[in-house]
Amino acid sequence: MPAPSEFRSEVEKLRPYLVRYATLQLRDAEAVQDAVQETLLAALAGEANFAGRSQLRTWLTGILKHKIVDAIRRQSREAAISGDAEGDASEFDQLFEANGHWVEHPAAWTDPDAALGQQQFFAVLQACLNKLPKKTAQVFMMREHLGSETGEICKNLAITPTHCGVLMYRARMALQQCLDKNWFGK
């Protein structure tokens, strides 16, 4: 294990990575900075707990995931209840016929595995994620990126499982449309 000053230096070098990671989840600059700061403080306070069985980056990311969930819980408690701020589902309904079939099938993605390896793809994906309504993006990122179970998401965001399913559907449809338009439909 490195000396305390070396450990602190190594932890601080990972700050930009942690900020980028938290930004994907929280989208609120103040909440991002708070979560990262709490992560760094927890890491420095818990230096003795880091036994080196994993990479420092992995260990810090694990701490950050918990701080992100805490931040999301805080945001959902503090958020004012508004009407249907998630938008109108009619834009998605137009994509389907009455029998549930596609009006026009989405374009086939030529080679998604190769696209995932390209940095530009991630920039487009980030832009698409930023276009999602806040709660929709939170549900999507908690489920797909943090790996949270539906029950945990519902508890953290104070939503029903049905609403969670609707938000996941909307997120997936919006991301598919955005990626089709801005990446795969080039």
C-alpha atoms as a PDB file:
ATOM      1  CA  MET A   1       0.000   0.000   0.000  1.00  0.00           C
ATOM      2  CA  PRO A   2       1.408   3.444  -0.891  1.00  0.00           C
ATOM      3  CA  ALA A   3       2.417   6.030   1.692  1.00  0.00           C
ATOM      4  CA  PRO A   4      -0.397   8.377   2.838  1.00  0.00           C
ATOM      5  CA  SER A   5       0.791  11.276   0.669  1.00  0.00           C
ATOM      6  CA  GLU A   6       1.137   8.958  -2.352  1.00  0.00           C
ATOM      7  CA  PHE A   7      -2.328   7.524  -1.706  1.00  0.00           C
ATOM      8  CA  ARG A   8      -3.831  11.008  -1.543  1.00  0.00           C
ATOM      9  CA  SER A   9      -2.068  11.967  -4.764  1.00  0.00           C
ATOM     10  CA  GLU A  10      -3.299   8.838  -6.579  1.00  0.00           C
ATOM     11  CA  VAL A  11      -6.855   9.425  -5.346  1.00  0.00           C
ATOM     12  CA  GLU A  12      -6.767  13.061  -6.491  1.00  0.00           C
ATOM     13  CA  LYS A  13      -5.527  12.024  -9.972  1.00  0.00           C
ATOM     14  CA  LEU A  14      -8.762  10.051 -10.421  1.00  0.00           C
ATOM     15  CA  ARG A  15     -10.965  13.069  -9.673  1.00  0.00           C
ATOM     16  CA  PRO A  16     -11.616  13.943 -13.383  1.00  0.00           C
ATOM     17  CA  TYR A  17     -12.719  10.351 -14.073  1.00  0.00           C
ATOM     18  CA  LEU A  18     -15.038  10.405 -11.059  1.00  0.00           C
ATOM     19  CA  VAL A  19     -16.552  13.720 -12.171  1.00  0.00           C
ATOM     20  CA  ARG A  20     -17.253  12.328 -15.669  1.00  0.00           C
ATOM     21  CA  TYR A  21     -18.782   9.178 -14.181  1.00  0.00           C
ATOM     22  CA  ALA A  22     -20.995  11.105 -11.757  1.00  0.00           C
ATOM     23  CA  THR A  23     -22.071  13.537 -14.479  1.00  0.00           C
ATOM     24  CA  LEU A  24     -23.536  10.643 -16.459  1.00  0.00           C
ATOM     25  CA  GLN A  25     -25.735   9.772 -13.516  1.00  0.00           C
ATOM     26  CA  LEU A  26     -26.677  13.053 -11.888  1.00  0.00           C
ATOM     27  CA  ARG A  27     -26.582  15.776 -14.576  1.00  0.00           C
ATOM     28  CA  ASP A  28     -26.595  18.462 -11.859  1.00  0.00           C
ATOM     29  CA  ALA A  29     -23.146  20.046 -11.561  1.00  0.00           C
ATOM     30  CA  GLU A  30     -23.584  20.813  -7.868  1.00  0.00           C
ATOM     31  CA  ALA A  31     -24.736  17.269  -7.037  1.00  0.00           C
ATOM     32  CA  VAL A  32     -21.840  15.866  -9.103  1.00  0.00           C
ATOM     33  CA  GLN A  33     -19.278  17.920  -7.191  1.00  0.00           C
ATOM     34  CA  ASP A  34     -20.866  16.953  -3.863  1.00  0.00           C
ATOM     35  CA  ALA A  35     -20.877  13.233  -4.716  1.00  0.00           C
ATOM     36  CA  VAL A  36     -17.271  13.293  -5.914  1.00  0.00           C
ATOM     37  CA  GLN A  37     -16.142  15.300  -2.893  1.00  0.00           C
ATOM     38  CA  GLU A  38     -17.920  12.874  -0.529  1.00  0.00           C
ATOM     39  CA  THR A  39     -16.281   9.979  -2.378  1.00  0.00           C
ATOM     40  CA  LEU A  40     -12.803  11.473  -2.038  1.00  0.00           C
ATOM     41  CA  LEU A  41     -13.342  12.226   1.639  1.00  0.00           C
ATOM     42  CA  ALA A  42     -14.626   8.695   2.271  1.00  0.00           C
ATOM     43  CA  ALA A  43     -11.646   7.239   0.407  1.00  0.00           C
ATOM     44  CA  LEU A  44      -9.137   9.286   2.371  1.00  0.00           C
ATOM     45  CA  ALA A  45     -10.890   8.492   5.657  1.00  0.00           C
ATOM     46  CA  GLY A  46     -11.053   4.807   4.741  1.00  0.00           C
ATOM     47  CA  GLU A  47      -7.535   4.478   3.364  1.00  0.00           C
ATOM     48  CA  ALA A  48      -6.836   1.639   5.795  1.00  0.00           C
ATOM     49  CA  ASN A  49      -9.769  -0.293   4.263  1.00  0.00           C
ATOM     50  CA  PHE A  50      -8.149  -0.265   0.822  1.00  0.00           C
ATOM     51  CA  ALA A  51      -6.180  -3.492   0.813  1.00  0.00           C
ATOM     52  CA  GLY A  52      -5.198  -3.316  -2.843  1.00  0.00           C
ATOM     53  CA  ARG A  53      -7.295  -6.346  -3.863  1.00  0.00           C
ATOM     54  CA  SER A  54      -8.742  -4.205  -6.659  1.00  0.00           C
ATOM     55  CA  GLN A  55      -7.610  -1.215  -8.657  1.00  0.00           C
ATOM     56  CA  LEU A  56      -7.903   2.103  -6.837  1.00  0.00           C
ATOM     57  CA  ARG A  57     -10.171   3.362  -9.633  1.00  0.00           C
ATOM     58  CA  THR A  58     -12.520   0.393  -9.157  1.00  0.00           C
ATOM     59  CA  TRP A  59     -12.628   0.923  -5.402  1.00  0.00           C
ATOM     60  CA  LEU A  60     -13.367   4.636  -5.786  1.00  0.00           C
ATOM     61  CA  THR A  61     -16.048   3.934  -8.395  1.00  0.00           C
ATOM     62  CA  GLY A  62     -17.752   1.576  -5.943  1.00  0.00           C
ATOM     63  CA  ILE A  63     -17.788   4.292  -3.289  1.00  0.00           C
ATOM     64  CA  LEU A  64     -19.041   6.825  -5.847  1.00  0.00           C
ATOM     65  CA  LYS A  65     -21.922   4.550  -6.895  1.00  0.00           C
ATOM     66  CA  HIS A  66     -23.203   4.587  -3.315  1.00  0.00           C
ATOM     67  CA  LYS A  67     -22.825   8.371  -3.116  1.00  0.00           C
ATOM     68  CA  ILE A  68     -24.745   8.722  -6.402  1.00  0.00           C
ATOM     69  CA  VAL A  69     -27.612   6.607  -5.077  1.00  0.00           C
ATOM     70  CA  ASP A  70     -27.650   8.769  -1.936  1.00  0.00           C
ATOM     71  CA  ALA A  71     -27.737  11.918  -4.093  1.00  0.00           C
ATOM     72  CA  ILE A  72     -30.600  10.540  -6.183  1.00  0.00           C
ATOM     73  CA  ARG A  73     -32.529   9.715  -3.019  1.00  0.00           C
ATOM     74  CA  ARG A  74     -31.948  13.252  -1.761  1.00  0.00           C
ATOM     75  CA  GLN A  75     -33.056  14.743  -5.082  1.00  0.00           C
ATOM     76  CA  SER A  76     -36.219  12.667  -5.195  1.00  0.00           C
ATOM     77  CA  ARG A  77     -37.130  13.688  -1.637  1.00  0.00           C
ATOM     78  CA  GLU A  78     -36.454  17.353  -2.346  1.00  0.00           C
ATOM     79  CA  ALA A  79     -38.096  17.494  -5.772  1.00  0.00           C
ATOM     80  CA  ALA A  80     -41.455  19.168  -5.899  1.00  0.00           C
ATOM     81  CA  ILE A  81     -44.222  16.993  -7.197  1.00  0.00           C
ATOM     82  CA  SER A  82     -45.282  18.333 -10.534  1.00  0.00           C
ATOM     83  CA  GLY A  83     -47.707  17.139 -13.193  1.00  0.00           C
ATOM     84  CA  ASP A  84     -46.493  14.893 -15.967  1.00  0.00           C
ATOM     85  CA  ALA A  85     -43.074  16.472 -16.389  1.00  0.00           C
ATOM     86  CA  GLU A  86     -41.868  13.458 -18.299  1.00  0.00           C
ATOM     87  CA  GLY A  87     -43.507  14.520 -21.537  1.00  0.00           C
ATOM     88  CA  ASP A  88     -46.236  13.171 -23.735  1.00  0.00           C
ATOM     89  CA  ALA A  89     -46.134   9.524 -24.819  1.00  0.00           C
ATOM     90  CA  SER A  90     -48.008  10.302 -28.029  1.00  0.00           C
ATOM     91  CA  GLU A  91     -44.723  10.881 -29.858  1.00  0.00           C
ATOM     92  CA  PHE A  92     -43.897   7.216 -29.303  1.00  0.00           C
ATOM     93  CA  ASP A  93     -47.409   6.055 -30.089  1.00  0.00           C
ATOM     94  CA  GLN A  94     -47.010   7.462 -33.586  1.00  0.00           C
ATOM     95  CA  LEU A  95     -44.241   4.939 -34.220  1.00  0.00           C
ATOM     96  CA  PHE A  96     -46.663   2.002 -33.922  1.00  0.00           C
ATOM     97  CA  GLU A  97     -49.806   0.840 -35.647  1.00  0.00           C
ATOM     98  CA  ALA A  98     -52.919  -0.003 -33.643  1.00  0.00           C
ATOM     99  CA  ASN A  99     -51.898  -3.686 -33.582  1.00  0.00           C
ATOM    100  CA  GLY A 100     -48.550  -2.796 -31.978  1.00  0.00           C
ATOM    101  CA  HIS A 101     -46.384  -3.303 -35.050  1.00  0.00           C
ATOM    102  CA  TRP A 102     -43.866  -0.696 -36.202  1.00  0.00           C
ATOM    103  CA  VAL A 103     -45.193   1.817 -38.718  1.00  0.00           C
ATOM    104  CA  GLU A 104     -41.666   1.939 -40.135  1.00  0.00           C
ATOM    105  CA  HIS A 105     -39.041  -0.450 -38.824  1.00  0.00           C
ATOM    106  CA  PRO A 106     -35.960   1.250 -37.400  1.00  0.00           C
ATOM    107  CA  ALA A 107     -32.874   1.120 -39.588  1.00  0.00           C
ATOM    108  CA  ALA A 108     -30.641  -1.878 -38.917  1.00  0.00           C
ATOM    109  CA  TRP A 109     -27.517  -1.003 -37.007  1.00  0.00           C
ATOM    110  CA  THR A 110     -24.652  -2.143 -39.180  1.00  0.00           C
ATOM    111  CA  ASP A 111     -22.038  -3.037 -36.567  1.00  0.00           C
ATOM    112  CA  PRO A 112     -22.924  -1.913 -33.046  1.00  0.00           C
ATOM    113  CA  ASP A 113     -19.893  -3.618 -31.494  1.00  0.00           C
ATOM    114  CA  ALA A 114     -17.521  -1.562 -33.616  1.00  0.00           C
ATOM    115  CA  ALA A 115     -19.514   1.597 -32.920  1.00  0.00           C
ATOM    116  CA  LEU A 116     -19.197   1.076 -29.167  1.00  0.00           C
ATOM    117  CA  GLY A 117     -15.449   1.227 -29.520  1.00  0.00           C
ATOM    118  CA  GLN A 118     -15.521   4.659 -31.067  1.00  0.00           C
ATOM    119  CA  GLN A 119     -15.157   7.716 -28.894  1.00  0.00           C
ATOM    120  CA  GLN A 120     -17.515   9.738 -31.053  1.00  0.00           C
ATOM    121  CA  PHE A 121     -20.275   7.241 -30.341  1.00  0.00           C
ATOM    122  CA  PHE A 122     -20.003   7.930 -26.631  1.00  0.00           C
ATOM    123  CA  ALA A 123     -20.205  11.666 -27.256  1.00  0.00           C
ATOM    124  CA  VAL A 124     -23.412  11.161 -29.254  1.00  0.00           C
ATOM    125  CA  LEU A 125     -24.777   8.773 -26.611  1.00  0.00           C
ATOM    126  CA  GLN A 126     -24.023  11.348 -23.899  1.00  0.00           C
ATOM    127  CA  ALA A 127     -25.816  14.033 -25.912  1.00  0.00           C
ATOM    128  CA  CYS A 128     -28.808  11.703 -26.321  1.00  0.00           C
ATOM    129  CA  LEU A 129     -28.836  10.953 -22.581  1.00  0.00           C
ATOM    130  CA  ASN A 130     -28.725  14.686 -21.849  1.00  0.00           C
ATOM    131  CA  LYS A 131     -31.889  15.176 -23.924  1.00  0.00           C
ATOM    132  CA  LEU A 132     -33.868  12.764 -21.752  1.00  0.00           C
ATOM    133  CA  PRO A 133     -36.100  14.236 -19.043  1.00  0.00           C
ATOM    134  CA  LYS A 134     -34.353  14.162 -15.671  1.00  0.00           C
ATOM    135  CA  LYS A 135     -36.335  11.392 -13.986  1.00  0.00           C
ATOM    136  CA  THR A 136     -36.339   9.261 -17.147  1.00  0.00           C
ATOM    137  CA  ALA A 137     -32.552   9.576 -17.355  1.00  0.00           C
ATOM    138  CA  GLN A 138     -32.188   8.747 -13.655  1.00  0.00           C
ATOM    139  CA  VAL A 139     -34.256   5.579 -13.974  1.00  0.00           C
ATOM    140  CA  PHE A 140     -32.377   4.506 -17.113  1.00  0.00           C
ATOM    141  CA  MET A 141     -28.924   5.132 -15.628  1.00  0.00           C
ATOM    142  CA  MET A 142     -29.777   3.484 -12.314  1.00  0.00           C
ATOM    143  CA  ARG A 143     -31.084   0.388 -14.102  1.00  0.00           C
ATOM    144  CA  GLU A 144     -28.668   0.041 -17.004  1.00  0.00           C
ATOM    145  CA  HIS A 145     -25.498   1.618 -15.690  1.00  0.00           C
ATOM    146  CA  LEU A 146     -25.602   1.132 -11.934  1.00  0.00           C
ATOM    147  CA  GLY A 147     -27.399  -2.213 -12.214  1.00  0.00           C
ATOM    148  CA  SER A 148     -30.067  -1.336  -9.655  1.00  0.00           C
ATOM    149  CA  GLU A 149     -33.099  -3.572  -9.399  1.00  0.00           C
ATOM    150  CA  THR A 150     -36.555  -2.166 -10.152  1.00  0.00           C
ATOM    151  CA  GLY A 151     -37.600  -2.304  -6.494  1.00  0.00           C
ATOM    152  CA  GLU A 152     -34.546  -0.340  -5.422  1.00  0.00           C
ATOM    153  CA  ILE A 153     -35.128   2.274  -8.134  1.00  0.00           C
ATOM    154  CA  CYS A 154     -38.778   2.632  -7.107  1.00  0.00           C
ATOM    155  CA  LYS A 155     -37.827   3.034  -3.469  1.00  0.00           C
ATOM    156  CA  ASN A 156     -35.077   5.594  -4.190  1.00  0.00           C
ATOM    157  CA  LEU A 157     -37.185   7.704  -6.552  1.00  0.00           C
ATOM    158  CA  ALA A 158     -40.542   7.168  -4.833  1.00  0.00           C
ATOM    159  CA  ILE A 159     -42.226   5.814  -7.969  1.00  0.00           C
ATOM    160  CA  THR A 160     -44.320   2.732  -8.670  1.00  0.00           C
ATOM    161  CA  PRO A 161     -42.970  -0.275 -10.584  1.00  0.00           C
ATOM    162  CA  THR A 162     -45.418   0.527 -13.393  1.00  0.00           C
ATOM    163  CA  HIS A 163     -44.126   4.092 -13.642  1.00  0.00           C
ATOM    164  CA  CYS A 164     -40.577   2.749 -13.589  1.00  0.00           C
ATOM    165  CA  GLY A 165     -41.400   0.472 -16.530  1.00  0.00           C
ATOM    166  CA  VAL A 166     -42.953   3.354 -18.443  1.00  0.00           C
ATOM    167  CA  LEU A 167     -39.896   5.533 -17.843  1.00  0.00           C
ATOM    168  CA  MET A 168     -37.554   2.733 -18.961  1.00  0.00           C
ATOM    169  CA  TYR A 169     -39.628   2.260 -22.120  1.00  0.00           C
ATOM    170  CA  ARG A 170     -39.558   5.985 -22.856  1.00  0.00           C
ATOM    171  CA  ALA A 171     -35.816   6.165 -22.229  1.00  0.00           C
ATOM    172  CA  ARG A 172     -35.070   3.243 -24.515  1.00  0.00           C
ATOM    173  CA  MET A 173     -37.315   4.561 -27.272  1.00  0.00           C
ATOM    174  CA  ALA A 174     -35.911   8.080 -27.039  1.00  0.00           C
ATOM    175  CA  LEU A 175     -32.336   6.793 -27.041  1.00  0.00           C
ATOM    176  CA  GLN A 176     -33.035   4.537 -29.987  1.00  0.00           C
ATOM    177  CA  GLN A 177     -34.552   7.408 -31.960  1.00  0.00           C
ATOM    178  CA  CYS A 178     -31.742   9.776 -31.057  1.00  0.00           C
ATOM    179  CA  LEU A 179     -28.993   7.260 -31.902  1.00  0.00           C
ATOM    180  CA  ASP A 180     -30.732   6.292 -35.142  1.00  0.00           C
ATOM    181  CA  LYS A 181     -30.877   9.945 -36.134  1.00  0.00           C
ATOM    182  CA  ASN A 182     -27.494  11.122 -34.873  1.00  0.00           C
ATOM    183  CA  TRP A 183     -25.242   8.072 -35.201  1.00  0.00           C
ATOM    184  CA  PHE A 184     -26.503   5.050 -37.087  1.00  0.00           C
ATOM    185  CA  GLY A 185     -28.476   6.987 -39.666  1.00  0.00           C
ATOM    186  CA  LYS A 186     -25.408   8.825 -40.945  1.00  0.00           C
END
